[in-house]
């Protein structure tokens, strides 16, 4: 072990900036935004594109801001509770996490131009923040299967001399070799190979995956109302992304006879921070007073990311315990750019006797058009051909559907319900039974003079195919059923 640590100390001084692990999973994470913001918007299932007059409508169609006739301010707090149920190796596990977030804050100024400009009734300027995605989760699974993560680490190191492991596989195989979880051998051709220090028995797996962060969007929007018939709007939007993932993977040998290894634990920590910019343009037309038809286009979001990550490992043997010291744990960072897909949103709204409002919305999302690019730093320039081809092969263009209904029991008291369906972004040829997202929502609102308060509830249900390793082997599949409960409270003021 002393010899191996000397090699570690030498090699760890020059690792990681030449490694990158971004793939199609990251592409989908930063492309698939849902809806968030005010409690009213949440209660309506994110379906507001043609109705307008809400400070979160700009995330869908900025022309909806043209429906405002007076200044408005709103602030929204949202409580996220996420429960996960996971099946793996015949064992069912449960986990839970709860977090409080700011989902919306915004201010809009509306000018009354009826006496100053021909046709233009109101012009609006707005600054808003809306949360588009939340990455909060706490997933855990355990169960017994034959395969091991050490099989992957051994395969990755094939042909690499032990003295070069920290140069070529610093975050995986090098750690396994340094803790005596894999050993070097030589095949018939004399090439160095590696084999896990395992028996032919099963491995009992335990993995805990915690994630947090989200995608928030800051918008500068301008809109106008022409003769109460035509509403136009546009916005420049700045996205801020933060994603943190920490997982711990433990395996225990069920039949350790004949080898020293009893168990090992591998850890991964990743922090991703990113900024991006996009533009949105929208139009709403009202052919008659109660009917509104809207269309909006969102340009791709050009994002710049920086990933920071570190890994660690320990192994328990029959008579000794090996652990990578914290000051030797591999650390790295990598910068890159990503262009998310463009979107088109089509919506229709209808108001019945000024008491019932209905909105239906369809969003076209081209998930297979996402594209990784180099950051511009020549030290981090790589070829993205494999990753971008995987995006085109795995994903498809989908139509996401949202619908919402609002009923006014009186001018002061309102109730809302909504539903949204985001079909699986995976291509039909991909054997993935998860991926579709279902949203069920409801809410109430109260208006008193210039003050209003809204409450909204949303249930987000989805199933996820999670492979810790070797996605080609179905025995490695952990099937996660996740329910995200969201309670939003909005306080607002008209002035």
Protein backbone atom coordinates (compact mmCIF):
# COMPACT_ATOMS: atom_id res chain seq x y z
CA UNK A 1 0.00 0.00 0.00
CA UNK A 2 2.86 2.38 0.70
CA UNK A 3 4.18 2.01 -2.86
CA UNK A 4 0.73 2.64 -4.28
CA UNK A 5 0.29 5.83 -2.25
CA UNK A 6 3.61 7.17 -3.52
CA UNK A 7 2.35 6.69 -7.08
CA UNK A 8 -0.90 8.41 -6.07
CA UNK A 9 0.90 11.44 -4.67
CA UNK A 10 2.89 11.92 -7.86
CA UNK A 11 0.00 11.45 -10.26
CA UNK A 12 -2.66 13.48 -8.43
CA UNK A 13 -0.84 16.73 -9.12
CA UNK A 14 -1.78 16.70 -12.81
CA UNK A 15 -5.20 15.12 -13.19
CA UNK A 16 -8.74 15.94 -14.13
CA UNK A 17 -8.66 19.02 -16.33
CA UNK A 18 -8.25 16.62 -19.26
CA UNK A 19 -11.20 14.47 -18.21
CA UNK A 20 -14.86 15.15 -18.81
CA UNK A 21 -17.95 13.13 -18.00
CA UNK A 22 -20.72 15.18 -19.59
CA UNK A 23 -23.18 13.05 -21.52
CA UNK A 24 -26.74 12.73 -22.77
CA UNK A 25 -28.04 12.52 -19.18
CA UNK A 26 -26.71 16.02 -18.49
CA UNK A 27 -28.16 17.23 -21.78
CA UNK A 28 -31.65 16.12 -20.81
CA UNK A 29 -31.34 17.54 -17.28
CA UNK A 30 -30.62 21.03 -18.60
CA UNK A 31 -33.08 20.84 -21.51
CA UNK A 32 -36.22 19.51 -19.83
CA UNK A 33 -37.68 22.41 -17.88
CA UNK A 34 -41.23 22.24 -16.56
CA UNK A 35 -43.26 25.07 -15.05
CA UNK A 36 -43.00 27.04 -11.85
CA UNK A 37 -43.57 30.49 -10.47
CA UNK A 38 -46.64 32.00 -8.85
CA UNK A 39 -49.17 29.93 -6.95
CA UNK A 40 -51.83 30.89 -9.50
CA UNK A 41 -49.67 29.64 -12.35
CA UNK A 42 -48.94 26.44 -10.40
CA UNK A 43 -52.61 25.82 -9.62
CA UNK A 44 -53.46 26.15 -13.32
CA UNK A 45 -50.93 23.49 -14.29
CA UNK A 46 -48.65 26.05 -15.94
CA UNK A 47 -51.33 26.67 -18.57
CA UNK A 48 -51.67 30.44 -18.95
CA UNK A 49 -50.20 31.25 -22.33
CA UNK A 50 -53.34 32.73 -23.91
CA UNK A 51 -55.08 34.05 -20.77
CA UNK A 52 -52.16 36.11 -19.48
CA UNK A 53 -52.11 38.65 -16.65
CA UNK A 54 -49.82 36.63 -14.36
CA UNK A 55 -46.19 37.39 -13.60
CA UNK A 56 -45.13 33.85 -14.50
CA UNK A 57 -46.79 33.79 -17.90
CA UNK A 58 -43.64 35.21 -19.48
CA UNK A 59 -41.96 31.81 -19.07
CA UNK A 60 -44.45 30.52 -21.65
CA UNK A 61 -45.65 33.51 -23.71
CA UNK A 62 -44.44 37.04 -22.87
CA UNK A 63 -47.39 38.47 -24.80
CA UNK A 64 -49.53 37.44 -21.82
CA UNK A 65 -47.97 40.31 -19.86
CA UNK A 66 -49.84 42.61 -22.25
CA UNK A 67 -53.04 41.71 -20.40
CA UNK A 68 -51.98 43.81 -17.38
CA UNK A 69 -53.60 47.24 -17.04
CA UNK A 70 -51.98 48.27 -13.74
CA UNK A 71 -48.71 47.86 -11.89
CA UNK A 72 -48.17 44.63 -9.94
CA UNK A 73 -45.69 43.02 -7.57
CA UNK A 74 -45.64 39.39 -6.41
CA UNK A 75 -43.52 37.11 -4.26
CA UNK A 76 -43.84 33.31 -4.04
CA UNK A 77 -42.48 30.76 -1.60
CA UNK A 78 -42.63 27.09 -2.50
CA UNK A 79 -42.19 24.02 -0.32
CA UNK A 80 -40.90 20.92 -2.15
CA UNK A 81 -41.40 17.48 -0.62
CA UNK A 82 -39.99 14.57 -2.63
CA UNK A 83 -40.70 10.92 -1.83
CA UNK A 84 -39.02 8.11 -3.77
CA UNK A 85 -39.81 4.41 -3.99
CA UNK A 86 -37.10 2.24 -5.59
CA UNK A 87 -37.06 -1.39 -6.68
CA UNK A 88 -33.68 -3.03 -7.17
CA UNK A 89 -32.61 -6.66 -7.05
CA UNK A 90 -35.97 -7.69 -5.64
CA UNK A 91 -35.76 -5.20 -2.75
CA UNK A 92 -37.94 -2.11 -2.29
CA UNK A 93 -36.53 1.03 -0.60
CA UNK A 94 -38.03 4.42 0.29
CA UNK A 95 -36.55 7.87 0.88
CA UNK A 96 -37.72 11.46 1.43
CA UNK A 97 -36.47 15.05 1.29
CA UNK A 98 -38.07 18.45 1.97
CA UNK A 99 -36.85 21.90 0.91
CA UNK A 100 -38.19 25.48 0.85
CA UNK A 101 -37.46 27.67 -2.20
CA UNK A 102 -38.34 31.04 -3.69
CA UNK A 103 -40.20 30.24 -6.90
CA UNK A 104 -41.14 33.72 -8.11
CA UNK A 105 -40.49 37.37 -7.51
CA UNK A 106 -41.48 40.02 -9.99
CA UNK A 107 -42.60 43.55 -10.63
CA UNK A 108 -44.46 44.95 -13.62
CA UNK A 109 -45.17 48.55 -14.61
CA UNK A 110 -48.10 49.23 -16.92
CA UNK A 111 -48.61 52.58 -18.62
CA UNK A 112 -52.06 53.82 -19.65
CA UNK A 113 -51.71 55.25 -23.17
CA UNK A 114 -55.34 55.38 -24.28
CA UNK A 115 -55.30 59.17 -24.47
CA UNK A 116 -51.77 59.38 -25.96
CA UNK A 117 -51.41 56.77 -28.68
CA UNK A 118 -53.76 55.57 -31.32
CA UNK A 119 -54.74 52.00 -30.69
CA UNK A 120 -52.16 51.15 -28.03
CA UNK A 121 -54.09 50.86 -24.76
CA UNK A 122 -51.30 49.76 -22.41
CA UNK A 123 -47.57 49.14 -22.53
CA UNK A 124 -45.82 47.03 -19.90
CA UNK A 125 -42.30 46.53 -18.66
CA UNK A 126 -41.52 43.67 -16.27
CA UNK A 127 -38.63 42.19 -14.35
CA UNK A 128 -39.30 38.69 -13.03
CA UNK A 129 -37.62 35.65 -11.58
CA UNK A 130 -39.24 32.23 -12.01
CA UNK A 131 -37.95 28.79 -11.05
CA UNK A 132 -38.18 26.47 -14.07
CA UNK A 133 -36.73 23.24 -12.65
CA UNK A 134 -35.94 21.80 -9.24
CA UNK A 135 -33.34 19.05 -8.81
CA UNK A 136 -34.15 18.18 -5.20
CA UNK A 137 -34.18 14.44 -4.56
CA UNK A 138 -32.99 11.86 -2.06
CA UNK A 139 -32.91 8.40 -3.63
CA UNK A 140 -31.77 5.18 -2.06
CA UNK A 141 -31.77 1.57 -3.12
CA UNK A 142 -30.34 -1.72 -1.94
CA UNK A 143 -30.46 -5.28 -3.17
CA UNK A 144 -28.46 -8.33 -4.18
CA UNK A 145 -27.22 -8.94 -7.73
CA UNK A 146 -24.28 -10.73 -9.33
CA UNK A 147 -22.59 -7.78 -11.05
CA UNK A 148 -20.25 -5.34 -9.36
CA UNK A 149 -19.02 -1.81 -9.95
CA UNK A 150 -15.53 -3.30 -9.71
CA UNK A 151 -16.17 -5.10 -13.01
CA UNK A 152 -16.49 -1.69 -14.66
CA UNK A 153 -13.37 -0.31 -12.98
CA UNK A 154 -11.35 -3.36 -14.03
CA UNK A 155 -12.51 -3.09 -17.65
CA UNK A 156 -11.69 0.64 -17.81
CA UNK A 157 -8.10 0.00 -16.76
CA UNK A 158 -7.34 -2.67 -19.36
CA UNK A 159 -3.98 -2.05 -21.02
CA UNK A 160 -2.96 0.71 -18.60
CA UNK A 161 0.17 0.19 -16.55
CA UNK A 162 -0.45 0.61 -12.79
CA UNK A 163 1.93 3.56 -12.67
CA UNK A 164 -0.31 5.39 -15.19
CA UNK A 165 -3.72 4.67 -13.67
CA UNK A 166 -4.00 8.09 -12.04
CA UNK A 167 -3.26 9.69 -15.40
CA UNK A 168 -5.87 7.77 -17.41
CA UNK A 169 -8.51 6.64 -14.87
CA UNK A 170 -8.00 8.86 -11.83
CA UNK A 171 -11.60 8.88 -10.63
CA UNK A 172 -12.38 5.16 -10.91
CA UNK A 173 -9.89 2.35 -11.55
CA UNK A 174 -6.98 4.07 -9.84
CA UNK A 175 -8.91 4.24 -6.59
CA UNK A 176 -9.95 0.59 -6.81
CA UNK A 177 -6.34 -0.47 -7.41
CA UNK A 178 -5.06 1.73 -4.60
CA UNK A 179 -7.43 0.08 -2.11
CA UNK A 180 -6.67 -3.45 -3.37
CA UNK A 181 -10.21 -3.92 -4.66
CA UNK A 182 -8.81 -4.85 -8.08
CA UNK A 183 -5.49 -6.51 -8.91
CA UNK A 184 -3.31 -6.34 -12.00
CA UNK A 185 -2.85 -9.53 -14.02
CA UNK A 186 -1.60 -10.25 -17.54
CA UNK A 187 -3.59 -11.86 -20.33
CA UNK A 188 -2.28 -14.38 -22.86
CA UNK A 189 -0.84 -11.63 -25.04
CA UNK A 190 1.11 -10.13 -22.17
CA UNK A 191 -1.13 -7.07 -21.91
CA UNK A 192 -1.76 -5.77 -18.42
CA UNK A 193 -5.31 -6.39 -17.30
CA UNK A 194 -7.20 -6.14 -14.04
CA UNK A 195 -9.60 -8.34 -12.15
CA UNK A 196 -11.84 -7.57 -9.18
CA UNK A 197 -10.91 -9.20 -5.91
CA UNK A 198 -14.26 -11.01 -5.82
CA UNK A 199 -15.64 -14.52 -5.57
CA UNK A 200 -18.29 -15.96 -7.83
CA UNK A 201 -21.01 -15.04 -5.36
CA UNK A 202 -23.46 -12.14 -5.42
CA UNK A 203 -22.84 -8.62 -4.22
CA UNK A 204 -25.22 -6.76 -1.90
CA UNK A 205 -25.52 -3.21 -3.23
CA UNK A 206 -26.45 -0.04 -1.35
CA UNK A 207 -26.51 3.33 -3.06
CA UNK A 208 -27.63 6.70 -1.72
CA UNK A 209 -28.02 9.54 -4.25
CA UNK A 210 -28.74 13.08 -3.07
CA UNK A 211 -29.25 15.94 -5.51
CA UNK A 212 -30.22 19.56 -5.09
CA UNK A 213 -30.28 22.80 -7.04
CA UNK A 214 -32.41 23.97 -9.93
CA UNK A 215 -32.81 26.29 -12.90
CA UNK A 216 -33.98 29.85 -12.31
CA UNK A 217 -34.78 32.39 -15.02
CA UNK A 218 -34.44 36.16 -14.72
CA UNK A 219 -36.41 38.02 -17.39
CA UNK A 220 -36.57 41.52 -18.77
CA UNK A 221 -39.82 41.73 -20.72
CA UNK A 222 -41.67 44.35 -22.74
CA UNK A 223 -45.26 43.98 -23.96
CA UNK A 224 -48.17 45.91 -25.37
CA UNK A 225 -51.95 45.84 -25.82
CA UNK A 226 -53.35 47.03 -29.16
CA UNK A 227 -57.10 47.73 -29.11
CA UNK A 228 -57.68 44.84 -26.69
CA UNK A 229 -57.34 42.63 -29.76
CA UNK A 230 -53.65 42.06 -30.26
CA UNK A 231 -51.08 41.52 -27.52
CA UNK A 232 -47.37 41.27 -28.26
CA UNK A 233 -44.41 40.63 -26.01
CA UNK A 234 -40.75 39.81 -25.98
CA UNK A 235 -38.13 39.08 -23.36
CA UNK A 236 -34.45 38.57 -22.84
CA UNK A 237 -33.90 35.85 -20.26
CA UNK A 238 -30.90 34.94 -18.18
CA UNK A 239 -30.83 31.47 -16.69
CA UNK A 240 -28.88 30.44 -13.61
CA UNK A 241 -28.30 26.72 -13.08
CA UNK A 242 -26.93 24.94 -10.06
CA UNK A 243 -26.76 21.16 -9.74
CA UNK A 244 -25.17 19.28 -6.84
CA UNK A 245 -24.99 15.50 -6.74
CA UNK A 246 -23.48 13.33 -4.02
CA UNK A 247 -23.70 9.60 -4.00
CA UNK A 248 -22.23 6.77 -1.99
CA UNK A 249 -22.08 3.26 -3.45
CA UNK A 250 -21.38 0.34 -1.15
CA UNK A 251 -21.06 -3.35 -1.99
CA UNK A 252 -20.67 -6.26 0.40
CA UNK A 253 -19.60 -9.75 -0.66
CA UNK A 254 -22.19 -12.36 0.18
CA UNK A 255 -19.61 -15.17 -0.22
CA UNK A 256 -16.16 -13.80 0.75
CA UNK A 257 -14.46 -17.17 1.16
CA UNK A 258 -11.13 -17.38 -0.64
CA UNK A 259 -10.43 -13.64 -0.99
CA UNK A 260 -9.51 -10.85 1.41
CA UNK A 261 -12.10 -8.29 0.24
CA UNK A 262 -15.23 -7.98 2.35
CA UNK A 263 -16.76 -4.69 1.18
CA UNK A 264 -15.98 -1.38 -0.45
CA UNK A 265 -17.52 2.09 -0.69
CA UNK A 266 -17.09 4.47 -3.62
CA UNK A 267 -18.17 8.14 -3.34
CA UNK A 268 -18.80 10.83 -5.94
CA UNK A 269 -19.37 14.55 -5.44
CA UNK A 270 -20.23 16.92 -8.27
CA UNK A 271 -21.12 20.60 -8.36
CA UNK A 272 -22.25 22.19 -11.62
CA UNK A 273 -22.79 25.91 -12.01
CA UNK A 274 -23.99 27.49 -15.21
CA UNK A 275 -25.36 30.65 -16.77
CA UNK A 276 -27.27 31.03 -20.00
CA UNK A 277 -29.25 33.42 -22.15
CA UNK A 278 -32.24 33.10 -24.48
CA UNK A 279 -34.98 35.19 -26.03
CA UNK A 280 -38.75 34.69 -26.21
CA UNK A 281 -41.28 36.29 -28.55
CA UNK A 282 -45.03 35.90 -28.34
CA UNK A 283 -48.36 37.06 -29.76
CA UNK A 284 -51.94 36.72 -28.50
CA UNK A 285 -54.90 37.52 -30.73
CA UNK A 286 -58.50 37.89 -29.54
CA UNK A 287 -60.88 37.50 -32.53
CA UNK A 288 -63.78 37.98 -30.13
CA UNK A 289 -63.76 39.34 -26.59
CA UNK A 290 -63.79 35.97 -24.82
CA UNK A 291 -61.54 33.93 -27.13
CA UNK A 292 -57.76 34.26 -27.21
CA UNK A 293 -55.21 32.45 -29.34
CA UNK A 294 -51.51 32.59 -28.53
CA UNK A 295 -48.23 31.52 -30.04
CA UNK A 296 -44.68 31.96 -28.75
CA UNK A 297 -41.18 30.93 -29.75
CA UNK A 298 -38.20 30.37 -27.43
CA UNK A 299 -34.71 30.45 -28.87
CA UNK A 300 -32.20 27.84 -27.70
CA UNK A 301 -30.58 28.74 -24.39
CA UNK A 302 -26.84 29.10 -24.80
CA UNK A 303 -25.34 28.00 -21.49
CA UNK A 304 -21.83 28.00 -20.10
CA UNK A 305 -21.13 25.38 -17.43
CA UNK A 306 -18.33 24.58 -15.04
CA UNK A 307 -18.25 21.19 -13.33
CA UNK A 308 -16.24 20.49 -10.18
CA UNK A 309 -16.01 16.96 -8.87
CA UNK A 310 -14.12 14.66 -6.56
CA UNK A 311 -14.20 10.95 -5.75
CA UNK A 312 -13.13 8.74 -2.89
CA UNK A 313 -12.99 5.07 -2.01
CA UNK A 314 -12.33 2.69 0.84
CA UNK A 315 -12.20 -1.08 1.09
CA UNK A 316 -12.51 -3.41 4.05
CA UNK A 317 -10.49 -6.63 3.87
CA UNK A 318 -10.35 -9.54 6.26
CA UNK A 319 -7.44 -8.14 8.27
CA UNK A 320 -6.94 -4.57 7.07
CA UNK A 321 -8.86 -1.44 6.00
CA UNK A 322 -7.69 0.76 3.12
CA UNK A 323 -8.94 4.29 2.47
CA UNK A 324 -7.88 7.00 0.04
CA UNK A 325 -6.78 9.89 2.31
CA UNK A 326 -8.87 13.03 1.84
CA UNK A 327 -5.86 15.03 0.65
CA UNK A 328 -5.27 12.39 -2.08
CA UNK A 329 -8.87 12.17 -3.29
CA UNK A 330 -8.95 13.02 -7.01
CA UNK A 331 -10.44 16.41 -7.81
CA UNK A 332 -11.16 17.96 -11.16
CA UNK A 333 -13.04 20.62 -13.04
CA UNK A 334 -14.20 21.05 -16.59
CA UNK A 335 -15.80 23.93 -18.50
CA UNK A 336 -18.06 23.56 -21.52
CA UNK A 337 -21.05 25.06 -23.29
CA UNK A 338 -24.42 23.58 -24.10
CA UNK A 339 -27.21 24.78 -26.39
CA UNK A 340 -30.62 23.62 -25.20
CA UNK A 341 -33.45 22.91 -27.68
CA UNK A 342 -35.69 25.58 -29.17
CA UNK A 343 -39.36 25.59 -28.22
CA UNK A 344 -42.66 26.67 -29.73
CA UNK A 345 -45.77 27.15 -27.59
CA UNK A 346 -49.34 27.22 -28.91
CA UNK A 347 -52.23 28.09 -26.61
CA UNK A 348 -55.94 28.82 -26.64
CA UNK A 349 -57.98 30.46 -23.90
CA UNK A 350 -61.70 31.06 -23.44
CA UNK A 351 -63.60 33.04 -20.82
CA UNK A 352 -67.22 32.14 -20.04
CA UNK A 353 -69.40 34.94 -18.64
CA UNK A 354 -66.35 36.48 -16.94
CA UNK A 355 -66.48 33.70 -14.32
CA UNK A 356 -64.83 30.67 -15.89
CA UNK A 357 -61.48 30.79 -17.69
CA UNK A 358 -60.05 27.80 -19.57
CA UNK A 359 -56.61 27.52 -21.18
CA UNK A 360 -55.10 24.70 -23.23
CA UNK A 361 -51.44 24.74 -24.20
CA UNK A 362 -49.13 22.63 -26.37
CA UNK A 363 -45.36 23.04 -26.20
CA UNK A 364 -43.12 21.64 -28.93
CA UNK A 365 -39.71 20.70 -27.46
CA UNK A 366 -36.88 19.40 -29.67
CA UNK A 367 -34.87 17.44 -27.10
CA UNK A 368 -32.86 15.70 -29.82
CA UNK A 369 -31.39 19.05 -30.92
CA UNK A 370 -29.36 19.74 -27.79
CA UNK A 371 -25.70 20.29 -28.51
CA UNK A 372 -22.50 20.29 -26.44
CA UNK A 373 -19.72 22.70 -27.42
CA UNK A 374 -16.27 23.64 -26.20
CA UNK A 375 -15.98 26.51 -23.76
CA UNK A 376 -13.27 28.28 -25.73
CA UNK A 377 -10.47 27.28 -23.37
CA UNK A 378 -7.95 25.39 -25.55
CA UNK A 379 -6.85 23.33 -22.52
CA UNK A 380 -10.38 21.92 -22.28
CA UNK A 381 -11.10 21.44 -25.97
CA UNK A 382 -12.45 17.97 -26.75
CA UNK A 383 -14.49 16.34 -29.48
CA UNK A 384 -18.19 16.19 -28.63
CA UNK A 385 -19.16 14.03 -31.59
CA UNK A 386 -19.97 10.94 -29.50
CA UNK A 387 -22.05 12.83 -26.93
CA UNK A 388 -23.98 14.88 -29.51
CA UNK A 389 -24.68 11.79 -31.60
CA UNK A 390 -26.02 10.06 -28.47
CA UNK A 391 -28.40 12.99 -27.93
CA UNK A 392 -29.71 12.65 -31.48
CA UNK A 393 -30.10 8.88 -31.14
CA UNK A 394 -31.68 8.71 -27.69
CA UNK A 395 -34.09 11.65 -27.66
CA UNK A 396 -36.92 12.91 -29.82
CA UNK A 397 -39.19 15.91 -30.35
CA UNK A 398 -42.20 15.85 -28.05
CA UNK A 399 -45.40 17.83 -27.56
CA UNK A 400 -45.92 18.72 -23.89
CA UNK A 401 -49.55 19.40 -22.94
CA UNK A 402 -50.88 21.68 -20.21
CA UNK A 403 -54.45 22.65 -19.36
CA UNK A 404 -55.93 24.77 -16.60
CA UNK A 405 -59.28 26.07 -15.37
CA UNK A 406 -60.09 28.99 -13.09
CA UNK A 407 -63.54 29.68 -11.63
CA UNK A 408 -64.56 32.89 -9.85
CA UNK A 409 -67.10 32.16 -7.13
CA UNK A 410 -67.10 35.92 -6.53
CA UNK A 411 -64.88 38.84 -7.53
CA UNK A 412 -62.82 38.08 -4.41
CA UNK A 413 -62.63 34.29 -4.27
CA UNK A 414 -61.29 32.02 -7.05
CA UNK A 415 -60.52 28.30 -7.42
CA UNK A 416 -58.26 26.56 -9.93
CA UNK A 417 -57.36 23.10 -11.21
CA UNK A 418 -54.77 21.99 -13.76
CA UNK A 419 -53.14 19.03 -15.44
CA UNK A 420 -49.96 18.69 -17.48
CA UNK A 421 -48.43 15.79 -19.37
CA UNK A 422 -44.84 15.69 -20.56
CA UNK A 423 -44.32 12.49 -22.60
CA UNK A 424 -41.09 10.58 -22.45
CA UNK A 425 -38.30 12.42 -24.29
CA UNK A 426 -36.72 9.09 -25.27
CA UNK A 427 -36.92 7.85 -28.81
CA UNK A 428 -39.36 4.98 -29.37
CA UNK A 429 -36.44 2.70 -30.24
CA UNK A 430 -34.95 3.13 -26.76
CA UNK A 431 -35.99 0.51 -24.23
CA UNK A 432 -36.82 2.95 -21.44
CA UNK A 433 -39.98 2.40 -19.43
CA UNK A 434 -39.61 5.66 -17.51
CA UNK A 435 -39.45 9.24 -18.62
CA UNK A 436 -43.04 10.52 -18.80
CA UNK A 437 -44.06 13.23 -16.31
CA UNK A 438 -47.58 13.81 -14.96
CA UNK A 439 -48.66 16.94 -13.09
CA UNK A 440 -51.88 17.36 -11.11
CA UNK A 441 -52.58 20.75 -9.56
CA UNK A 442 -55.16 22.83 -7.74
CA UNK A 443 -55.32 26.20 -6.01
CA UNK A 444 -57.34 29.02 -4.55
CA UNK A 445 -57.04 32.78 -4.55
CA UNK A 446 -58.40 35.72 -2.61
CA UNK A 447 -58.56 39.39 -3.71
CA UNK A 448 -59.00 42.25 -1.26
CA UNK A 449 -58.75 45.77 -2.66
CA UNK A 450 -55.17 46.00 -4.01
CA UNK A 451 -53.82 42.97 -2.15
CA UNK A 452 -54.10 39.35 -3.26
CA UNK A 453 -52.98 36.00 -1.90
CA UNK A 454 -52.89 32.71 -3.80
CA UNK A 455 -52.16 29.14 -2.75
CA UNK A 456 -51.34 26.34 -5.15
CA UNK A 457 -50.60 22.63 -4.88
CA UNK A 458 -48.87 20.45 -7.49
CA UNK A 459 -48.19 16.72 -7.57
CA UNK A 460 -45.46 15.69 -10.00
CA UNK A 461 -45.27 11.97 -10.69
CA UNK A 462 -42.63 10.22 -12.77
CA UNK A 463 -40.78 6.94 -13.15
CA UNK A 464 -37.03 6.84 -13.73
CA UNK A 465 -34.79 4.11 -15.08
CA UNK A 466 -31.56 4.44 -13.10
CA UNK A 467 -28.46 2.42 -13.93
CA UNK A 468 -25.56 2.67 -11.51
CA UNK A 469 -23.41 1.08 -14.25
CA UNK A 470 -23.68 -1.11 -17.35
CA UNK A 471 -26.96 0.10 -18.82
CA UNK A 472 -26.97 -2.82 -21.25
CA UNK A 473 -27.63 -5.26 -18.39
CA UNK A 474 -31.22 -5.09 -17.03
CA UNK A 475 -30.14 -6.66 -13.71
CA UNK A 476 -28.42 -3.35 -12.92
CA UNK A 477 -31.67 -1.40 -13.29
CA UNK A 478 -33.11 0.47 -10.33
CA UNK A 479 -36.70 1.52 -11.09
CA UNK A 480 -37.51 4.71 -9.21
CA UNK A 481 -41.06 6.01 -8.73
CA UNK A 482 -40.91 9.60 -7.57
CA UNK A 483 -43.66 11.90 -6.25
CA UNK A 484 -42.89 15.57 -5.79
CA UNK A 485 -45.38 17.52 -3.69
CA UNK A 486 -45.24 21.27 -4.09
CA UNK A 487 -47.13 23.89 -2.04
CA UNK A 488 -46.80 27.48 -3.24
CA UNK A 489 -47.95 30.67 -1.51
CA UNK A 490 -47.99 33.99 -3.38
CA UNK A 491 -48.43 37.44 -1.87
CA UNK A 492 -49.11 40.23 -4.31
CA UNK A 493 -49.89 43.92 -4.58
CA UNK A 494 -51.51 46.00 -7.31
CA UNK A 495 -50.50 49.64 -7.30
